[in-house]
C-alpha cells in the first residue's frame, strides 16, 4: 500500500513530465487557463467554458 507522500510524489512527477515538452508560451497559456478555472470554479460549466473560450481566442489573436 502506498503512502500519501508516495502518491503526492507521483502526482508531482506526472505534472512535471506533462509540461516538460511545452515551450514557455504554452506553459503561460496553460497556467492562465488553470487560474481561470480555479477562479471560476463556482460557475456552471457552460459559463466557465464561455470565459475560457474568450481567453483562448484573445491569445490566438
C-alpha atoms as a PDB file:
ATOM      1  CA  UNK A   1       0.000   0.000   0.000  1.00  0.00           C
ATOM      2  CA  UNK A   2       1.337   3.405  -0.936  1.00  0.00           C
ATOM      3  CA  UNK A   3       1.594   6.287   1.486  1.00  0.00           C
ATOM      4  CA  UNK A   4       0.168   9.748   0.914  1.00  0.00           C
ATOM      5  CA  UNK A   5       3.686  11.062   0.310  1.00  0.00           C
ATOM      6  CA  UNK A   6       4.258   8.444  -2.409  1.00  0.00           C
ATOM      7  CA  UNK A   7       1.049   9.446  -4.144  1.00  0.00           C
ATOM      8  CA  UNK A   8       1.902  13.149  -3.932  1.00  0.00           C
ATOM      9  CA  UNK A   9       5.384  12.427  -5.300  1.00  0.00           C
ATOM     10  CA  UNK A  10       3.954  10.523  -8.259  1.00  0.00           C
ATOM     11  CA  UNK A  11       1.437  13.297  -8.875  1.00  0.00           C
ATOM     12  CA  UNK A  12       4.198  15.929  -8.897  1.00  0.00           C
ATOM     13  CA  UNK A  13       6.305  13.816 -11.273  1.00  0.00           C
ATOM     14  CA  UNK A  14       3.373  13.306 -13.667  1.00  0.00           C
ATOM     15  CA  UNK A  15       2.727  17.047 -13.706  1.00  0.00           C
ATOM     16  CA  UNK A  16       6.400  17.769 -14.334  1.00  0.00           C
ATOM     17  CA  UNK A  17       6.519  15.220 -17.157  1.00  0.00           C
ATOM     18  CA  UNK A  18       3.327  16.529 -18.741  1.00  0.00           C
ATOM     19  CA  UNK A  19       4.619  20.110 -19.058  1.00  0.00           C
ATOM     20  CA  UNK A  20       8.225  19.228 -19.907  1.00  0.00           C
ATOM     21  CA  UNK A  21       7.602  19.271 -23.655  1.00  0.00           C
ATOM     22  CA  UNK A  22       5.775  22.630 -23.636  1.00  0.00           C
ATOM     23  CA  UNK A  23       7.570  25.825 -24.555  1.00  0.00           C
ATOM     24  CA  UNK A  24       7.358  28.890 -22.301  1.00  0.00           C
ATOM     25  CA  UNK A  25       4.426  30.426 -24.194  1.00  0.00           C
ATOM     26  CA  UNK A  26       2.416  27.224 -23.933  1.00  0.00           C
ATOM     27  CA  UNK A  27       3.182  26.974 -20.203  1.00  0.00           C
ATOM     28  CA  UNK A  28       1.990  30.561 -19.704  1.00  0.00           C
ATOM     29  CA  UNK A  29      -1.266  29.802 -21.510  1.00  0.00           C
ATOM     30  CA  UNK A  30      -1.781  26.624 -19.511  1.00  0.00           C
ATOM     31  CA  UNK A  31      -1.149  28.376 -16.199  1.00  0.00           C
ATOM     32  CA  UNK A  32      -3.569  31.187 -17.107  1.00  0.00           C
ATOM     33  CA  UNK A  33      -6.232  28.664 -18.161  1.00  0.00           C
ATOM     34  CA  UNK A  34      -5.812  26.783 -14.885  1.00  0.00           C
ATOM     35  CA  UNK A  35      -6.002  30.039 -12.918  1.00  0.00           C
ATOM     36  CA  UNK A  36      -9.223  30.955 -14.748  1.00  0.00           C
ATOM     37  CA  UNK A  37     -10.640  27.532 -13.985  1.00  0.00           C
ATOM     38  CA  UNK A  38      -9.809  27.911 -10.278  1.00  0.00           C
ATOM     39  CA  UNK A  39     -11.207  31.460 -10.053  1.00  0.00           C
ATOM     40  CA  UNK A  40     -14.429  30.400 -11.740  1.00  0.00           C
ATOM     41  CA  UNK A  41     -14.896  27.012 -10.112  1.00  0.00           C
ATOM     42  CA  UNK A  42     -18.270  28.100  -8.699  1.00  0.00           C
ATOM     43  CA  UNK A  43     -19.741  28.871 -12.139  1.00  0.00           C
ATOM     44  CA  UNK A  44     -21.778  26.442 -14.142  1.00  0.00           C
ATOM     45  CA  UNK A  45     -19.689  24.601 -16.755  1.00  0.00           C
ATOM     46  CA  UNK A  46     -21.270  26.473 -19.665  1.00  0.00           C
ATOM     47  CA  UNK A  47     -20.432  29.869 -18.104  1.00  0.00           C
ATOM     48  CA  UNK A  48     -16.846  28.832 -17.464  1.00  0.00           C
ATOM     49  CA  UNK A  49     -16.465  27.393 -20.954  1.00  0.00           C
ATOM     50  CA  UNK A  50     -17.550  30.714 -22.425  1.00  0.00           C
ATOM     51  CA  UNK A  51     -14.908  32.627 -20.420  1.00  0.00           C
ATOM     52  CA  UNK A  52     -12.201  30.109 -21.276  1.00  0.00           C
ATOM     53  CA  UNK A  53     -13.116  30.213 -24.977  1.00  0.00           C
ATOM     54  CA  UNK A  54     -12.875  34.014 -24.934  1.00  0.00           C
ATOM     55  CA  UNK A  55      -9.440  33.842 -23.296  1.00  0.00           C
ATOM     56  CA  UNK A  56      -8.180  31.329 -25.861  1.00  0.00           C
ATOM     57  CA  UNK A  57      -9.468  33.471 -28.725  1.00  0.00           C
ATOM     58  CA  UNK A  58      -7.626  36.509 -27.309  1.00  0.00           C
ATOM     59  CA  UNK A  59      -4.378  34.554 -27.021  1.00  0.00           C
ATOM     60  CA  UNK A  60      -4.652  33.199 -30.554  1.00  0.00           C
ATOM     61  CA  UNK A  61      -5.240  36.661 -31.986  1.00  0.00           C
END
